[in-house]
Amino acid sequence: MARKAPVKRARKKALPDWAMAPFFPFLEHIQEIGRLLHLSMRGISSLRARPQVEEVLAQADKFMAKYGGVEQPSREGRLQKAQEEAHLAQTEVDNDFPQLHAQAVIAGWGALERWSARSDSSLASEPTFCKVG
């Protein structure tokens, strides 16, 4: 079987530094939004195990009260809150985090608008802007 010759593509001219400079803060912000989104997803996912942790801690408290003579405050309220949060976390995980993704889109849109406003003014002030092409 014959090998195909590689396709040669015309090399595009790189944009000048002044044209790219306003774009870098936008990209950094978008990457930060992505990192925060994934960090939040991991945090919410870990909340699903909190009820089991609270149950183990409640058993440890009972053991300490019985054998160590140390009385601990009740964990019933904590367990109920942990179960509610675990349920909400499971719902978010099951639905692929719709609220987090919606907030990330809003943050990204805001970053795009901010970048657009800044780049319009900085590009318009560049004397060689109209010569790119």
C-alpha atoms as a PDB file:
ATOM      1  CA  MET A   1       0.000   0.000   0.000  1.00  0.00           C
ATOM      2  CA  ALA A   2       1.443   3.353  -1.046  1.00  0.00           C
ATOM      3  CA  ARG A   3       1.991   6.054   1.530  1.00  0.00           C
ATOM      4  CA  LYS A   4       0.424   9.391   0.900  1.00  0.00           C
ATOM      5  CA  ALA A   5       2.723  12.357   0.723  1.00  0.00           C
ATOM      6  CA  PRO A   6       2.256  14.755   3.634  1.00  0.00           C
ATOM      7  CA  VAL A   7       0.109  17.737   2.841  1.00  0.00           C
ATOM      8  CA  LYS A   8       2.023  20.985   2.990  1.00  0.00           C
ATOM      9  CA  ARG A   9       0.104  23.782   4.542  1.00  0.00           C
ATOM     10  CA  ALA A  10       0.849  27.415   4.167  1.00  0.00           C
ATOM     11  CA  ARG A  11       2.272  28.843   7.351  1.00  0.00           C
ATOM     12  CA  LYS A  12       0.184  31.581   8.788  1.00  0.00           C
ATOM     13  CA  LYS A  13       1.887  34.701   9.904  1.00  0.00           C
ATOM     14  CA  ALA A  14       2.019  34.971  13.696  1.00  0.00           C
ATOM     15  CA  LEU A  15       0.128  37.823  15.246  1.00  0.00           C
ATOM     16  CA  PRO A  16       2.263  40.568  16.730  1.00  0.00           C
ATOM     17  CA  ASP A  17       2.714  40.655  20.511  1.00  0.00           C
ATOM     18  CA  TRP A  18       0.566  43.774  20.898  1.00  0.00           C
ATOM     19  CA  ALA A  19      -2.356  41.961  19.253  1.00  0.00           C
ATOM     20  CA  MET A  20      -2.072  38.943  21.533  1.00  0.00           C
ATOM     21  CA  ALA A  21      -1.382  40.778  24.809  1.00  0.00           C
ATOM     22  CA  PRO A  22      -5.044  41.557  25.656  1.00  0.00           C
ATOM     23  CA  PHE A  23      -5.998  37.931  25.019  1.00  0.00           C
ATOM     24  CA  PHE A  24      -3.724  36.353  27.662  1.00  0.00           C
ATOM     25  CA  PRO A  25      -5.580  37.643  30.767  1.00  0.00           C
ATOM     26  CA  PHE A  26      -8.828  36.337  29.245  1.00  0.00           C
ATOM     27  CA  LEU A  27      -7.345  32.875  28.705  1.00  0.00           C
ATOM     28  CA  GLU A  28      -5.920  32.816  32.229  1.00  0.00           C
ATOM     29  CA  HIS A  29      -9.325  33.760  33.649  1.00  0.00           C
ATOM     30  CA  ILE A  30     -11.086  31.050  31.632  1.00  0.00           C
ATOM     31  CA  GLN A  31      -8.555  28.481  32.876  1.00  0.00           C
ATOM     32  CA  GLU A  32      -9.137  29.653  36.465  1.00  0.00           C
ATOM     33  CA  ILE A  33     -12.900  29.250  35.998  1.00  0.00           C
ATOM     34  CA  GLY A  34     -12.305  25.689  34.762  1.00  0.00           C
ATOM     35  CA  ARG A  35     -10.087  24.862  37.738  1.00  0.00           C
ATOM     36  CA  LEU A  36     -12.660  26.257  40.167  1.00  0.00           C
ATOM     37  CA  LEU A  37     -15.434  24.321  38.438  1.00  0.00           C
ATOM     38  CA  HIS A  38     -13.566  21.018  38.777  1.00  0.00           C
ATOM     39  CA  LEU A  39     -12.515  21.776  42.347  1.00  0.00           C
ATOM     40  CA  SER A  40     -16.154  22.459  43.233  1.00  0.00           C
ATOM     41  CA  MET A  41     -17.261  19.259  41.526  1.00  0.00           C
ATOM     42  CA  ARG A  42     -14.757  17.217  43.563  1.00  0.00           C
ATOM     43  CA  GLY A  43     -15.814  18.958  46.779  1.00  0.00           C
ATOM     44  CA  ILE A  44     -19.504  18.372  46.156  1.00  0.00           C
ATOM     45  CA  SER A  45     -18.809  14.761  45.213  1.00  0.00           C
ATOM     46  CA  SER A  46     -16.984  14.184  48.498  1.00  0.00           C
ATOM     47  CA  LEU A  47     -20.010  15.406  50.497  1.00  0.00           C
ATOM     48  CA  ARG A  48     -21.822  12.215  49.567  1.00  0.00           C
ATOM     49  CA  ALA A  49     -19.714  10.315  52.127  1.00  0.00           C
ATOM     50  CA  ARG A  50     -20.255  12.767  54.979  1.00  0.00           C
ATOM     51  CA  PRO A  51     -23.229  10.950  56.560  1.00  0.00           C
ATOM     52  CA  GLN A  52     -21.103   7.825  56.986  1.00  0.00           C
ATOM     53  CA  VAL A  53     -18.345   9.914  58.581  1.00  0.00           C
ATOM     54  CA  GLU A  54     -20.839  11.488  60.998  1.00  0.00           C
ATOM     55  CA  GLU A  55     -22.195   8.037  61.903  1.00  0.00           C
ATOM     56  CA  VAL A  56     -18.700   6.747  62.683  1.00  0.00           C
ATOM     57  CA  LEU A  57     -17.961   9.854  64.759  1.00  0.00           C
ATOM     58  CA  ALA A  58     -21.236   9.398  66.660  1.00  0.00           C
ATOM     59  CA  GLN A  59     -20.256   5.804  67.452  1.00  0.00           C
ATOM     60  CA  ALA A  60     -16.840   7.004  68.601  1.00  0.00           C
ATOM     61  CA  ASP A  61     -18.514   9.596  70.838  1.00  0.00           C
ATOM     62  CA  LYS A  62     -20.708   6.884  72.395  1.00  0.00           C
ATOM     63  CA  PHE A  63     -17.648   4.701  72.971  1.00  0.00           C
ATOM     64  CA  MET A  64     -15.765   7.600  74.594  1.00  0.00           C
ATOM     65  CA  ALA A  65     -18.751   8.420  76.810  1.00  0.00           C
ATOM     66  CA  LYS A  66     -19.114   4.803  77.885  1.00  0.00           C
ATOM     67  CA  TYR A  67     -15.473   3.842  78.371  1.00  0.00           C
ATOM     68  CA  GLY A  68     -13.579   7.099  78.593  1.00  0.00           C
ATOM     69  CA  GLY A  69     -15.936   9.089  80.731  1.00  0.00           C
ATOM     70  CA  VAL A  70     -15.897  11.932  78.196  1.00  0.00           C
ATOM     71  CA  GLU A  71     -19.361  13.225  77.320  1.00  0.00           C
ATOM     72  CA  GLN A  72     -19.670  14.628  73.775  1.00  0.00           C
ATOM     73  CA  PRO A  73     -22.394  16.926  72.439  1.00  0.00           C
ATOM     74  CA  SER A  74     -25.085  15.266  70.329  1.00  0.00           C
ATOM     75  CA  ARG A  75     -24.329  14.754  66.655  1.00  0.00           C
ATOM     76  CA  GLU A  76     -27.949  14.218  65.602  1.00  0.00           C
ATOM     77  CA  GLY A  77     -28.235  17.680  64.061  1.00  0.00           C
ATOM     78  CA  ARG A  78     -24.944  17.217  62.274  1.00  0.00           C
ATOM     79  CA  LEU A  79     -26.006  13.852  60.896  1.00  0.00           C
ATOM     80  CA  GLN A  80     -29.307  15.225  59.600  1.00  0.00           C
ATOM     81  CA  LYS A  81     -27.548  18.159  57.901  1.00  0.00           C
ATOM     82  CA  ALA A  82     -24.944  15.794  56.443  1.00  0.00           C
ATOM     83  CA  GLN A  83     -27.702  13.593  55.020  1.00  0.00           C
ATOM     84  CA  GLU A  84     -29.440  16.605  53.446  1.00  0.00           C
ATOM     85  CA  GLU A  85     -26.178  17.837  51.928  1.00  0.00           C
ATOM     86  CA  ALA A  86     -25.329  14.339  50.698  1.00  0.00           C
ATOM     87  CA  HIS A  87     -28.715  14.102  48.989  1.00  0.00           C
ATOM     88  CA  LEU A  88     -28.207  17.479  47.273  1.00  0.00           C
ATOM     89  CA  ALA A  89     -24.660  16.493  46.303  1.00  0.00           C
ATOM     90  CA  GLN A  90     -25.896  13.190  44.830  1.00  0.00           C
ATOM     91  CA  THR A  91     -28.538  15.072  42.816  1.00  0.00           C
ATOM     92  CA  GLU A  92     -25.879  17.419  41.437  1.00  0.00           C
ATOM     93  CA  VAL A  93     -23.549  14.515  40.590  1.00  0.00           C
ATOM     94  CA  ASP A  94     -26.368  12.575  38.899  1.00  0.00           C
ATOM     95  CA  ASN A  95     -27.304  15.594  36.776  1.00  0.00           C
ATOM     96  CA  ASP A  96     -23.674  16.535  35.901  1.00  0.00           C
ATOM     97  CA  PHE A  97     -23.574  19.663  38.101  1.00  0.00           C
ATOM     98  CA  PRO A  98     -26.009  21.899  36.190  1.00  0.00           C
ATOM     99  CA  GLN A  99     -25.774  24.817  38.632  1.00  0.00           C
ATOM    100  CA  LEU A 100     -21.978  24.838  38.629  1.00  0.00           C
ATOM    101  CA  HIS A 101     -21.833  24.680  34.856  1.00  0.00           C
ATOM    102  CA  ALA A 102     -24.369  27.504  34.564  1.00  0.00           C
ATOM    103  CA  GLN A 103     -22.266  29.680  36.881  1.00  0.00           C
ATOM    104  CA  ALA A 104     -19.110  28.845  34.920  1.00  0.00           C
ATOM    105  CA  VAL A 105     -20.811  29.897  31.675  1.00  0.00           C
ATOM    106  CA  ILE A 106     -21.897  33.192  33.243  1.00  0.00           C
ATOM    107  CA  ALA A 107     -18.363  33.819  34.546  1.00  0.00           C
ATOM    108  CA  GLY A 108     -16.892  32.977  31.140  1.00  0.00           C
ATOM    109  CA  TRP A 109     -19.323  35.279  29.379  1.00  0.00           C
ATOM    110  CA  GLY A 110     -18.395  38.103  31.742  1.00  0.00           C
ATOM    111  CA  ALA A 111     -14.706  37.487  31.093  1.00  0.00           C
ATOM    112  CA  LEU A 112     -15.347  37.549  27.337  1.00  0.00           C
ATOM    113  CA  GLU A 113     -17.193  40.861  27.590  1.00  0.00           C
ATOM    114  CA  ARG A 114     -14.418  42.356  29.727  1.00  0.00           C
ATOM    115  CA  TRP A 115     -11.768  41.125  27.288  1.00  0.00           C
ATOM    116  CA  SER A 116     -13.733  42.443  24.330  1.00  0.00           C
ATOM    117  CA  ALA A 117     -14.053  45.913  25.856  1.00  0.00           C
ATOM    118  CA  ARG A 118     -10.354  46.047  26.750  1.00  0.00           C
ATOM    119  CA  SER A 119      -9.109  44.676  23.459  1.00  0.00           C
ATOM    120  CA  ASP A 120     -11.269  47.064  21.413  1.00  0.00           C
ATOM    121  CA  SER A 121      -9.733  50.058  23.125  1.00  0.00           C
ATOM    122  CA  SER A 122      -6.153  48.721  23.071  1.00  0.00           C
ATOM    123  CA  LEU A 123      -6.316  47.579  19.450  1.00  0.00           C
ATOM    124  CA  ALA A 124      -7.851  50.835  18.285  1.00  0.00           C
ATOM    125  CA  SER A 125      -4.915  52.740  19.772  1.00  0.00           C
ATOM    126  CA  GLU A 126      -2.333  50.592  17.962  1.00  0.00           C
ATOM    127  CA  PRO A 127      -1.060  52.368  14.827  1.00  0.00           C
ATOM    128  CA  THR A 128      -0.325  49.114  12.939  1.00  0.00           C
ATOM    129  CA  PHE A 129      -3.731  47.533  13.702  1.00  0.00           C
ATOM    130  CA  CYS A 130      -5.097  48.135  10.211  1.00  0.00           C
ATOM    131  CA  LYS A 131      -1.944  46.726   8.599  1.00  0.00           C
ATOM    132  CA  VAL A 132      -2.359  43.180   9.968  1.00  0.00           C
ATOM    133  CA  GLY A 133      -3.463  40.733   7.346  1.00  0.00           C
END
